[in-house]
Amino acid sequence: MASTMYLIDAYTVYAASVTASSTIFRCLSATFLPLAGPAMYSRLGVGWGTSLLGFISLAFIPFPFIFYVYGQRIRETKRIKVDI
């Protein structure tokens, strides 16, 4: 929910498009992660398979803070600038 609200606040004119693309990405992730689960757990076991998912989650912890500190600069770069 927080990422959706951030995207809506960052791209107010294109809120519908950014919400739709976020939903599509979330649904695709929810589709393909369970397909990889059985192979991951058979190779790594329950303990290390779950730990791997936890480590991936830990790797994403700094991103909200990075977006909070550098968000304005990221939105204003020429490569991803959105003209309103």
Protein backbone atom coordinates (compact mmCIF):
# COMPACT_ATOMS: atom_id res chain seq x y z
CA MET A 1 0.00 0.00 0.00
CA ALA A 2 2.82 2.39 0.82
CA SER A 3 4.49 1.90 -2.56
CA THR A 4 1.21 2.49 -4.36
CA MET A 5 0.63 5.72 -2.44
CA TYR A 6 4.18 6.85 -3.22
CA LEU A 7 3.69 6.20 -6.92
CA ILE A 8 0.38 8.06 -6.93
CA ASP A 9 1.92 11.05 -5.14
CA ALA A 10 4.97 11.06 -7.40
CA TYR A 11 3.04 10.82 -10.67
CA THR A 12 -0.27 12.53 -9.95
CA VAL A 13 -1.28 13.08 -13.57
CA TYR A 14 -0.48 9.49 -14.54
CA ALA A 15 -1.80 7.88 -11.34
CA ALA A 16 -4.05 5.42 -13.18
CA SER A 17 -1.23 4.21 -15.43
CA VAL A 18 1.29 3.84 -12.64
CA THR A 19 -1.25 2.01 -10.48
CA ALA A 20 -2.05 -0.37 -13.32
CA SER A 21 1.60 -1.09 -14.06
CA SER A 22 2.29 -1.65 -10.37
CA THR A 23 -0.62 -4.07 -10.17
CA ILE A 24 0.57 -5.98 -13.24
CA PHE A 25 4.09 -6.29 -11.79
CA ARG A 26 2.72 -7.46 -8.43
CA CYS A 27 0.47 -10.04 -10.10
CA LEU A 28 3.28 -11.36 -12.31
CA SER A 29 5.51 -11.70 -9.25
CA ALA A 30 2.76 -13.55 -7.41
CA THR A 31 2.34 -15.83 -10.42
CA PHE A 32 5.95 -16.87 -10.94
CA LEU A 33 7.27 -17.10 -7.38
CA PRO A 34 5.14 -20.17 -6.54
CA LEU A 35 6.37 -21.84 -9.73
CA ALA A 36 9.96 -21.48 -8.53
CA GLY A 37 9.17 -22.56 -4.97
CA PRO A 38 9.18 -26.35 -5.31
CA ALA A 39 12.51 -26.40 -7.18
CA MET A 40 14.06 -24.00 -4.69
CA TYR A 41 12.89 -25.99 -1.65
CA SER A 42 13.93 -29.33 -3.16
CA ARG A 43 17.48 -28.06 -3.80
CA LEU A 44 17.99 -25.93 -0.69
CA GLY A 45 15.66 -27.56 1.81
CA VAL A 46 13.05 -25.82 3.90
CA GLY A 47 15.49 -23.99 6.16
CA TRP A 48 17.78 -22.49 3.52
CA GLY A 49 14.96 -21.92 1.02
CA THR A 50 13.05 -19.83 3.53
CA SER A 51 16.27 -18.11 4.60
CA LEU A 52 16.97 -17.18 0.98
CA LEU A 53 13.58 -15.45 0.73
CA GLY A 54 14.32 -13.70 4.01
CA PHE A 55 17.71 -12.51 2.77
CA ILE A 56 16.12 -11.15 -0.39
CA SER A 57 13.59 -9.29 1.78
CA LEU A 58 16.42 -7.89 3.90
CA ALA A 59 18.14 -6.62 0.76
CA PHE A 60 15.07 -4.49 -0.04
CA ILE A 61 14.93 -2.78 3.38
CA PRO A 62 17.09 0.25 2.40
CA PHE A 63 14.97 1.15 -0.64
CA PRO A 64 12.26 3.17 1.15
CA PHE A 65 14.96 5.22 2.89
CA ILE A 66 16.82 5.72 -0.39
CA PHE A 67 13.62 6.89 -2.08
CA TYR A 68 12.88 9.19 0.85
CA VAL A 69 16.31 10.83 0.70
CA TYR A 70 16.92 10.82 -3.07
CA GLY A 71 13.35 10.61 -4.40
CA GLN A 72 13.13 14.19 -5.62
CA ARG A 73 16.45 13.90 -7.44
CA ILE A 74 15.42 10.57 -9.01
CA ARG A 75 12.13 12.00 -10.25
CA GLU A 76 13.85 15.04 -11.77
CA THR A 77 16.53 13.19 -13.74
CA LYS A 78 16.34 13.60 -17.48
CA ARG A 79 16.12 9.86 -18.14
CA ILE A 80 12.84 9.38 -16.25
CA LYS A 81 11.50 12.95 -16.17
CA VAL A 82 7.73 13.12 -16.52
CA ASP A 83 6.47 16.41 -17.98
CA ILE A 84 3.29 17.50 -16.31
